[in-house]
Amino acid sequence: MSLIAPLTPALRWRCRRGMLELDLLLERFLERGYAALDATGQAQFERLLGHPDPQLHDWLLGLDPPPATDPALAHVIQAVRDAT
């Protein structure tokens, strides 16, 4: 059984990006959608945060499709988009 990670100050800090649009999207997701993810989804969200800002921007705003080869990452991208 996987444990769901708590919403930590470190995670909030990782959501602070170099682009205002990303800051707003990611903070809103933390408030509205993060807790609804299971432990695997939360891990995928943290993995998403490891991508560069321009790529996150394009994925989250729908300017570039999520990677078709990574359905778990595509799922969390859609969850972020749905929460905003």
PDB file of N, CA and C in Angstrom:
ATOM      1  N   MET A   1       0.846  -1.181   0.000  1.00  0.00           N
ATOM      2  CA  MET A   1       0.000   0.000   0.000  1.00  0.00           C
ATOM      3  C   MET A   1       0.888   1.240   0.000  1.00  0.00           C
ATOM      4  N   SER A   2       0.628   2.174  -0.906  1.00  0.00           N
ATOM      5  CA  SER A   2       1.406   3.401  -0.998  1.00  0.00           C
ATOM      6  C   SER A   2       0.790   4.483  -0.121  1.00  0.00           C
ATOM      7  N   LEU A   3       1.649   5.216   0.524  1.00  0.00           N
ATOM      8  CA  LEU A   3       1.175   6.316   1.354  1.00  0.00           C
ATOM      9  C   LEU A   3       1.139   7.598   0.540  1.00  0.00           C
ATOM     10  N   ILE A   4       0.131   8.396   0.754  1.00  0.00           N
ATOM     11  CA  ILE A   4       0.009   9.674   0.060  1.00  0.00           C
ATOM     12  C   ILE A   4       0.880  10.688   0.770  1.00  0.00           C
ATOM     13  N   ALA A   5       1.685  11.397  -0.015  1.00  0.00           N
ATOM     14  CA  ALA A   5       2.617  12.379   0.532  1.00  0.00           C
ATOM     15  C   ALA A   5       1.869  13.629   0.983  1.00  0.00           C
ATOM     16  N   PRO A   6       2.286  14.205   2.091  1.00  0.00           N
ATOM     17  CA  PRO A   6       1.658  15.446   2.528  1.00  0.00           C
ATOM     18  C   PRO A   6       2.116  16.615   1.649  1.00  0.00           C
ATOM     19  N   LEU A   7       1.325  17.639   1.646  1.00  0.00           N
ATOM     20  CA  LEU A   7       1.668  18.863   0.923  1.00  0.00           C
ATOM     21  C   LEU A   7       2.679  19.626   1.769  1.00  0.00           C
ATOM     22  N   THR A   8       3.921  19.648   1.341  1.00  0.00           N
ATOM     23  CA  THR A   8       5.002  20.209   2.142  1.00  0.00           C
ATOM     24  C   THR A   8       5.431  21.580   1.625  1.00  0.00           C
ATOM     25  N   PRO A   9       6.083  22.356   2.487  1.00  0.00           N
ATOM     26  CA  PRO A   9       6.644  23.632   2.017  1.00  0.00           C
ATOM     27  C   PRO A   9       7.643  23.425   0.877  1.00  0.00           C
ATOM     28  N   ALA A  10       8.381  22.312   0.907  1.00  0.00           N
ATOM     29  CA  ALA A  10       9.346  22.051  -0.167  1.00  0.00           C
ATOM     30  C   ALA A  10       8.629  21.847  -1.501  1.00  0.00           C
ATOM     31  N   LEU A  11       7.495  21.171  -1.483  1.00  0.00           N
ATOM     32  CA  LEU A  11       6.738  20.970  -2.717  1.00  0.00           C
ATOM     33  C   LEU A  11       6.184  22.303  -3.209  1.00  0.00           C
ATOM     34  N   ARG A  12       5.676  23.096  -2.302  1.00  0.00           N
ATOM     35  CA  ARG A  12       5.194  24.427  -2.700  1.00  0.00           C
ATOM     36  C   ARG A  12       6.322  25.238  -3.338  1.00  0.00           C
ATOM     37  N   TRP A  13       7.509  25.142  -2.765  1.00  0.00           N
ATOM     38  CA  TRP A  13       8.655  25.884  -3.298  1.00  0.00           C
ATOM     39  C   TRP A  13       8.999  25.403  -4.705  1.00  0.00           C
ATOM     40  N   ARG A  14       8.926  24.090  -4.933  1.00  0.00           N
ATOM     41  CA  ARG A  14       9.223  23.548  -6.264  1.00  0.00           C
ATOM     42  C   ARG A  14       8.212  24.013  -7.304  1.00  0.00           C
ATOM     43  N   CYS A  15       7.033  24.401  -6.863  1.00  0.00           N
ATOM     44  CA  CYS A  15       6.010  24.905  -7.783  1.00  0.00           C
ATOM     45  C   CYS A  15       6.234  26.369  -8.143  1.00  0.00           C
ATOM     46  N   ARG A  16       7.139  27.014  -7.450  1.00  0.00           N
ATOM     47  CA  ARG A  16       7.506  28.397  -7.791  1.00  0.00           C
ATOM     48  C   ARG A  16       8.477  28.332  -8.956  1.00  0.00           C
ATOM     49  N   ARG A  17       8.099  28.878 -10.072  1.00  0.00           N
ATOM     50  CA  ARG A  17       8.881  28.762 -11.287  1.00  0.00           C
ATOM     51  C   ARG A  17       9.347  30.147 -11.730  1.00  0.00           C
ATOM     52  N   GLY A  18       9.970  30.190 -12.885  1.00  0.00           N
ATOM     53  CA  GLY A  18      10.442  31.461 -13.423  1.00  0.00           C
ATOM     54  C   GLY A  18       9.409  32.161 -14.280  1.00  0.00           C
ATOM     55  N   MET A  19       8.210  31.587 -14.379  1.00  0.00           N
ATOM     56  CA  MET A  19       7.144  32.166 -15.202  1.00  0.00           C
ATOM     57  C   MET A  19       5.891  32.315 -14.342  1.00  0.00           C
ATOM     58  N   LEU A  20       5.319  33.499 -14.359  1.00  0.00           N
ATOM     59  CA  LEU A  20       4.126  33.765 -13.561  1.00  0.00           C
ATOM     60  C   LEU A  20       2.993  32.802 -13.906  1.00  0.00           C
ATOM     61  N   GLU A  21       2.816  32.516 -15.193  1.00  0.00           N
ATOM     62  CA  GLU A  21       1.738  31.615 -15.612  1.00  0.00           C
ATOM     63  C   GLU A  21       1.876  30.249 -14.944  1.00  0.00           C
ATOM     64  N   LEU A  22       3.105  29.741 -14.891  1.00  0.00           N
ATOM     65  CA  LEU A  22       3.328  28.438 -14.248  1.00  0.00           C
ATOM     66  C   LEU A  22       3.094  28.519 -12.752  1.00  0.00           C
ATOM     67  N   ASP A  23       3.549  29.594 -12.122  1.00  0.00           N
ATOM     68  CA  ASP A  23       3.304  29.768 -10.694  1.00  0.00           C
ATOM     69  C   ASP A  23       1.806  29.671 -10.394  1.00  0.00           C
ATOM     70  N   LEU A  24       1.013  30.375 -11.181  1.00  0.00           N
ATOM     71  CA  LEU A  24      -0.434  30.396 -10.948  1.00  0.00           C
ATOM     72  C   LEU A  24      -1.064  29.022 -11.187  1.00  0.00           C
ATOM     73  N   LEU A  25      -0.705  28.381 -12.286  1.00  0.00           N
ATOM     74  CA  LEU A  25      -1.267  27.059 -12.588  1.00  0.00           C
ATOM     75  C   LEU A  25      -0.901  26.024 -11.533  1.00  0.00           C
ATOM     76  N   LEU A  26       0.364  25.988 -11.173  1.00  0.00           N
ATOM     77  CA  LEU A  26       0.824  24.959 -10.239  1.00  0.00           C
ATOM     78  C   LEU A  26       0.317  25.197  -8.823  1.00  0.00           C
ATOM     79  N   GLU A  27       0.296  26.449  -8.389  1.00  0.00           N
ATOM     80  CA  GLU A  27      -0.249  26.754  -7.051  1.00  0.00           C
ATOM     81  C   GLU A  27      -1.732  26.402  -6.986  1.00  0.00           C
ATOM     82  N   ARG A  28      -2.454  26.735  -8.042  1.00  0.00           N
ATOM     83  CA  ARG A  28      -3.883  26.425  -8.071  1.00  0.00           C
ATOM     84  C   ARG A  28      -4.104  24.911  -8.019  1.00  0.00           C
ATOM     85  N   PHE A  29      -3.257  24.161  -8.734  1.00  0.00           N
ATOM     86  CA  PHE A  29      -3.375  22.712  -8.691  1.00  0.00           C
ATOM     87  C   PHE A  29      -3.097  22.171  -7.297  1.00  0.00           C
ATOM     88  N   LEU A  30      -2.095  22.717  -6.621  1.00  0.00           N
ATOM     89  CA  LEU A  30      -1.811  22.259  -5.256  1.00  0.00           C
ATOM     90  C   LEU A  30      -3.025  22.451  -4.358  1.00  0.00           C
ATOM     91  N   GLU A  31      -3.701  23.554  -4.537  1.00  0.00           N
ATOM     92  CA  GLU A  31      -4.870  23.856  -3.694  1.00  0.00           C
ATOM     93  C   GLU A  31      -6.095  23.033  -4.079  1.00  0.00           C
ATOM     94  N   ARG A  32      -6.275  22.756  -5.368  1.00  0.00           N
ATOM     95  CA  ARG A  32      -7.522  22.156  -5.836  1.00  0.00           C
ATOM     96  C   ARG A  32      -7.443  20.687  -6.235  1.00  0.00           C
ATOM     97  N   GLY A  33      -6.256  20.205  -6.622  1.00  0.00           N
ATOM     98  CA  GLY A  33      -6.223  18.875  -7.200  1.00  0.00           C
ATOM     99  C   GLY A  33      -5.189  17.911  -6.660  1.00  0.00           C
ATOM    100  N   TYR A  34      -4.147  18.415  -6.036  1.00  0.00           N
ATOM    101  CA  TYR A  34      -3.053  17.550  -5.598  1.00  0.00           C
ATOM    102  C   TYR A  34      -3.529  16.469  -4.627  1.00  0.00           C
ATOM    103  N   ALA A  35      -4.348  16.838  -3.675  1.00  0.00           N
ATOM    104  CA  ALA A  35      -4.806  15.878  -2.650  1.00  0.00           C
ATOM    105  C   ALA A  35      -5.650  14.758  -3.251  1.00  0.00           C
ATOM    106  N   ALA A  36      -6.253  14.993  -4.409  1.00  0.00           N
ATOM    107  CA  ALA A  36      -7.083  13.973  -5.041  1.00  0.00           C
ATOM    108  C   ALA A  36      -6.248  12.909  -5.751  1.00  0.00           C
ATOM    109  N   LEU A  37      -4.965  13.177  -5.976  1.00  0.00           N
ATOM    110  CA  LEU A  37      -4.092  12.200  -6.615  1.00  0.00           C
ATOM    111  C   LEU A  37      -3.714  11.104  -5.627  1.00  0.00           C
ATOM    112  N   ASP A  38      -3.582   9.884  -6.141  1.00  0.00           N
ATOM    113  CA  ASP A  38      -3.045   8.827  -5.295  1.00  0.00           C
ATOM    114  C   ASP A  38      -1.528   8.998  -5.210  1.00  0.00           C
ATOM    115  N   ALA A  39      -0.862   8.133  -4.476  1.00  0.00           N
ATOM    116  CA  ALA A  39       0.579   8.269  -4.260  1.00  0.00           C
ATOM    117  C   ALA A  39       1.352   8.228  -5.582  1.00  0.00           C
ATOM    118  N   THR A  40       0.906   7.391  -6.505  1.00  0.00           N
ATOM    119  CA  THR A  40       1.561   7.314  -7.809  1.00  0.00           C
ATOM    120  C   THR A  40       1.384   8.618  -8.573  1.00  0.00           C
ATOM    121  N   GLY A  41       0.191   9.165  -8.550  1.00  0.00           N
ATOM    122  CA  GLY A  41      -0.073  10.442  -9.222  1.00  0.00           C
ATOM    123  C   GLY A  41       0.737  11.573  -8.616  1.00  0.00           C
ATOM    124  N   GLN A  42       0.857  11.564  -7.290  1.00  0.00           N
ATOM    125  CA  GLN A  42       1.661  12.599  -6.634  1.00  0.00           C
ATOM    126  C   GLN A  42       3.130  12.476  -7.028  1.00  0.00           C
ATOM    127  N   ALA A  43       3.610  11.252  -7.152  1.00  0.00           N
ATOM    128  CA  ALA A  43       4.994  11.048  -7.591  1.00  0.00           C
ATOM    129  C   ALA A  43       5.173  11.528  -9.031  1.00  0.00           C
ATOM    130  N   GLN A  44       4.170  11.295  -9.869  1.00  0.00           N
ATOM    131  CA  GLN A  44       4.237  11.773 -11.254  1.00  0.00           C
ATOM    132  C   GLN A  44       4.222  13.298 -11.305  1.00  0.00           C
ATOM    133  N   PHE A  45       3.449  13.922 -10.414  1.00  0.00           N
ATOM    134  CA  PHE A  45       3.427  15.387 -10.353  1.00  0.00           C
ATOM    135  C   PHE A  45       4.815  15.916  -9.991  1.00  0.00           C
ATOM    136  N   GLU A  46       5.450  15.283  -9.027  1.00  0.00           N
ATOM    137  CA  GLU A  46       6.799  15.721  -8.650  1.00  0.00           C
ATOM    138  C   GLU A  46       7.775  15.492  -9.792  1.00  0.00           C
ATOM    139  N   ARG A  47       7.595  14.418 -10.534  1.00  0.00           N
ATOM    140  CA  ARG A  47       8.446  14.185 -11.708  1.00  0.00           C
ATOM    141  C   ARG A  47       8.197  15.259 -12.767  1.00  0.00           C
ATOM    142  N   LEU A  48       6.938  15.651 -12.927  1.00  0.00           N
ATOM    143  CA  LEU A  48       6.590  16.720 -13.873  1.00  0.00           C
ATOM    144  C   LEU A  48       7.361  17.997 -13.549  1.00  0.00           C
ATOM    145  N   LEU A  49       7.494  18.289 -12.253  1.00  0.00           N
ATOM    146  CA  LEU A  49       8.183  19.514 -11.843  1.00  0.00           C
ATOM    147  C   LEU A  49       9.666  19.512 -12.209  1.00  0.00           C
ATOM    148  N   GLY A  50      10.206  18.367 -12.568  1.00  0.00           N
ATOM    149  CA  GLY A  50      11.599  18.281 -12.975  1.00  0.00           C
ATOM    150  C   GLY A  50      11.853  18.729 -14.410  1.00  0.00           C
ATOM    151  N   HIS A  51      10.802  18.984 -15.152  1.00  0.00           N
ATOM    152  CA  HIS A  51      10.952  19.418 -16.545  1.00  0.00           C
ATOM    153  C   HIS A  51      11.192  20.924 -16.612  1.00  0.00           C
ATOM    154  N   PRO A  52      11.851  21.383 -17.670  1.00  0.00           N
ATOM    155  CA  PRO A  52      12.127  22.817 -17.815  1.00  0.00           C
ATOM    156  C   PRO A  52      10.846  23.643 -17.972  1.00  0.00           C
ATOM    157  N   ASP A  53      10.923  24.872 -17.522  1.00  0.00           N
ATOM    158  CA  ASP A  53       9.763  25.772 -17.567  1.00  0.00           C
ATOM    159  C   ASP A  53       9.128  25.890 -18.953  1.00  0.00           C
ATOM    160  N   PRO A  54       9.907  26.096 -20.029  1.00  0.00           N
ATOM    161  CA  PRO A  54       9.253  26.232 -21.337  1.00  0.00           C
ATOM    162  C   PRO A  54       8.439  24.997 -21.726  1.00  0.00           C
ATOM    163  N   GLN A  55       8.944  23.808 -21.391  1.00  0.00           N
ATOM    164  CA  GLN A  55       8.201  22.589 -21.713  1.00  0.00           C
ATOM    165  C   GLN A  55       6.944  22.484 -20.861  1.00  0.00           C
ATOM    166  N   LEU A  56       7.054  22.777 -19.571  1.00  0.00           N
ATOM    167  CA  LEU A  56       5.867  22.775 -18.693  1.00  0.00           C
ATOM    168  C   LEU A  56       4.824  23.750 -19.208  1.00  0.00           C
ATOM    169  N   HIS A  57       5.250  24.930 -19.556  1.00  0.00           N
ATOM    170  CA  HIS A  57       4.353  25.967 -20.069  1.00  0.00           C
ATOM    171  C   HIS A  57       3.563  25.442 -21.264  1.00  0.00           C
ATOM    172  N   ASP A  58       4.274  24.874 -22.228  1.00  0.00           N
ATOM    173  CA  ASP A  58       3.615  24.396 -23.440  1.00  0.00           C
ATOM    174  C   ASP A  58       2.674  23.229 -23.156  1.00  0.00           C
ATOM    175  N   TRP A  59       3.078  22.308 -22.296  1.00  0.00           N
ATOM    176  CA  TRP A  59       2.198  21.190 -21.960  1.00  0.00           C
ATOM    177  C   TRP A  59       0.958  21.654 -21.216  1.00  0.00           C
ATOM    178  N   LEU A  60       1.147  22.481 -20.192  1.00  0.00           N
ATOM    179  CA  LEU A  60       0.026  22.864 -19.329  1.00  0.00           C
ATOM    180  C   LEU A  60      -0.948  23.820 -20.009  1.00  0.00           C
ATOM    181  N   LEU A  61      -0.458  24.587 -20.975  1.00  0.00           N
ATOM    182  CA  LEU A  61      -1.351  25.485 -21.705  1.00  0.00           C
ATOM    183  C   LEU A  61      -1.883  24.855 -22.989  1.00  0.00           C
ATOM    184  N   GLY A  62      -1.521  23.607 -23.235  1.00  0.00           N
ATOM    185  CA  GLY A  62      -2.024  22.912 -24.407  1.00  0.00           C
ATOM    186  C   GLY A  62      -1.379  23.338 -25.713  1.00  0.00           C
ATOM    187  N   LEU A  63      -0.230  23.979 -25.650  1.00  0.00           N
ATOM    188  CA  LEU A  63       0.465  24.406 -26.861  1.00  0.00           C
ATOM    189  C   LEU A  63       1.270  23.279 -27.486  1.00  0.00           C
ATOM    190  N   ASP A  64       1.584  22.283 -26.695  1.00  0.00           N
ATOM    191  CA  ASP A  64       2.335  21.117 -27.139  1.00  0.00           C
ATOM    192  C   ASP A  64       1.691  19.902 -26.462  1.00  0.00           C
ATOM    193  N   PRO A  65       1.457  18.823 -27.200  1.00  0.00           N
ATOM    194  CA  PRO A  65       0.817  17.662 -26.559  1.00  0.00           C
ATOM    195  C   PRO A  65       1.756  16.991 -25.559  1.00  0.00           C
ATOM    196  N   PRO A  66       1.195  16.402 -24.523  1.00  0.00           N
ATOM    197  CA  PRO A  66       2.023  15.640 -23.578  1.00  0.00           C
ATOM    198  C   PRO A  66       2.684  14.477 -24.310  1.00  0.00           C
ATOM    199  N   PRO A  67       3.761  13.959 -23.753  1.00  0.00           N
ATOM    200  CA  PRO A  67       4.439  12.848 -24.422  1.00  0.00           C
ATOM    201  C   PRO A  67       3.547  11.605 -24.521  1.00  0.00           C
ATOM    202  N   ALA A  68       3.334  11.144 -25.730  1.00  0.00           N
ATOM    203  CA  ALA A  68       2.473   9.979 -25.955  1.00  0.00           C
ATOM    204  C   ALA A  68       3.096   8.710 -25.385  1.00  0.00           C
ATOM    205  N   THR A  69       4.397   8.717 -25.220  1.00  0.00           N
ATOM    206  CA  THR A  69       5.095   7.540 -24.704  1.00  0.00           C
ATOM    207  C   THR A  69       5.069   7.458 -23.182  1.00  0.00           C
ATOM    208  N   ASP A  70       4.475   8.463 -22.537  1.00  0.00           N
ATOM    209  CA  ASP A  70       4.448   8.501 -21.074  1.00  0.00           C
ATOM    210  C   ASP A  70       3.030   8.815 -20.600  1.00  0.00           C
ATOM    211  N   PRO A  71       2.120   7.831 -20.638  1.00  0.00           N
ATOM    212  CA  PRO A  71       0.727   8.094 -20.277  1.00  0.00           C
ATOM    213  C   PRO A  71       0.541   8.554 -18.832  1.00  0.00           C
ATOM    214  N   ALA A  72       1.404   8.126 -17.919  1.00  0.00           N
ATOM    215  CA  ALA A  72       1.267   8.560 -16.522  1.00  0.00           C
ATOM    216  C   ALA A  72       1.537  10.060 -16.409  1.00  0.00           C
ATOM    217  N   LEU A  73       2.541  10.532 -17.114  1.00  0.00           N
ATOM    218  CA  LEU A  73       2.838  11.966 -17.101  1.00  0.00           C
ATOM    219  C   LEU A  73       1.727  12.743 -17.810  1.00  0.00           C
ATOM    220  N   ALA A  74       1.228  12.205 -18.913  1.00  0.00           N
ATOM    221  CA  ALA A  74       0.126  12.852 -19.623  1.00  0.00           C
ATOM    222  C   ALA A  74      -1.106  12.972 -18.720  1.00  0.00           C
ATOM    223  N   HIS A  75      -1.332  11.950 -17.897  1.00  0.00           N
ATOM    224  CA  HIS A  75      -2.483  11.974 -16.980  1.00  0.00           C
ATOM    225  C   HIS A  75      -2.353  13.108 -15.965  1.00  0.00           C
ATOM    226  N   VAL A  76      -1.180  13.285 -15.388  1.00  0.00           N
ATOM    227  CA  VAL A  76      -1.015  14.337 -14.382  1.00  0.00           C
ATOM    228  C   VAL A  76      -1.039  15.718 -15.041  1.00  0.00           C
ATOM    229  N   ILE A  77      -0.558  15.822 -16.260  1.00  0.00           N
ATOM    230  CA  ILE A  77      -0.665  17.099 -16.991  1.00  0.00           C
ATOM    231  C   ILE A  77      -2.128  17.457 -17.170  1.00  0.00           C
ATOM    232  N   GLN A  78      -2.933  16.477 -17.549  1.00  0.00           N
ATOM    233  CA  GLN A  78      -4.370  16.728 -17.708  1.00  0.00           C
ATOM    234  C   GLN A  78      -5.023  17.078 -16.378  1.00  0.00           C
ATOM    235  N   ALA A  79      -4.592  16.449 -15.300  1.00  0.00           N
ATOM    236  CA  ALA A  79      -5.144  16.760 -13.972  1.00  0.00           C
ATOM    237  C   ALA A  79      -4.848  18.204 -13.591  1.00  0.00           C
ATOM    238  N   VAL A  80      -3.649  18.677 -13.895  1.00  0.00           N
ATOM    239  CA  VAL A  80      -3.299  20.077 -13.601  1.00  0.00           C
ATOM    240  C   VAL A  80      -4.172  20.989 -14.445  1.00  0.00           C
ATOM    241  N   ARG A  81      -4.315  20.682 -15.718  1.00  0.00           N
ATOM    242  CA  ARG A  81      -5.134  21.515 -16.602  1.00  0.00           C
ATOM    243  C   ARG A  81      -6.601  21.536 -16.135  1.00  0.00           C
ATOM    244  N   ASP A  82      -7.113  20.398 -15.697  1.00  0.00           N
ATOM    245  CA  ASP A  82      -8.498  20.323 -15.255  1.00  0.00           C
ATOM    246  C   ASP A  82      -8.758  21.092 -13.963  1.00  0.00           C
ATOM    247  N   ALA A  83      -7.741  21.226 -13.132  1.00  0.00           N
ATOM    248  CA  ALA A  83      -7.911  21.886 -11.826  1.00  0.00           C
ATOM    249  C   ALA A  83      -7.880  23.402 -11.931  1.00  0.00           C
ATOM    250  N   THR A  84      -7.545  23.913 -13.092  1.00  0.00           N
ATOM    251  CA  THR A  84      -7.423  25.376 -13.214  1.00  0.00           C
ATOM    252  C   THR A  84      -8.562  25.984 -13.969  1.00  0.00           C
TER     253      THR A  84
END
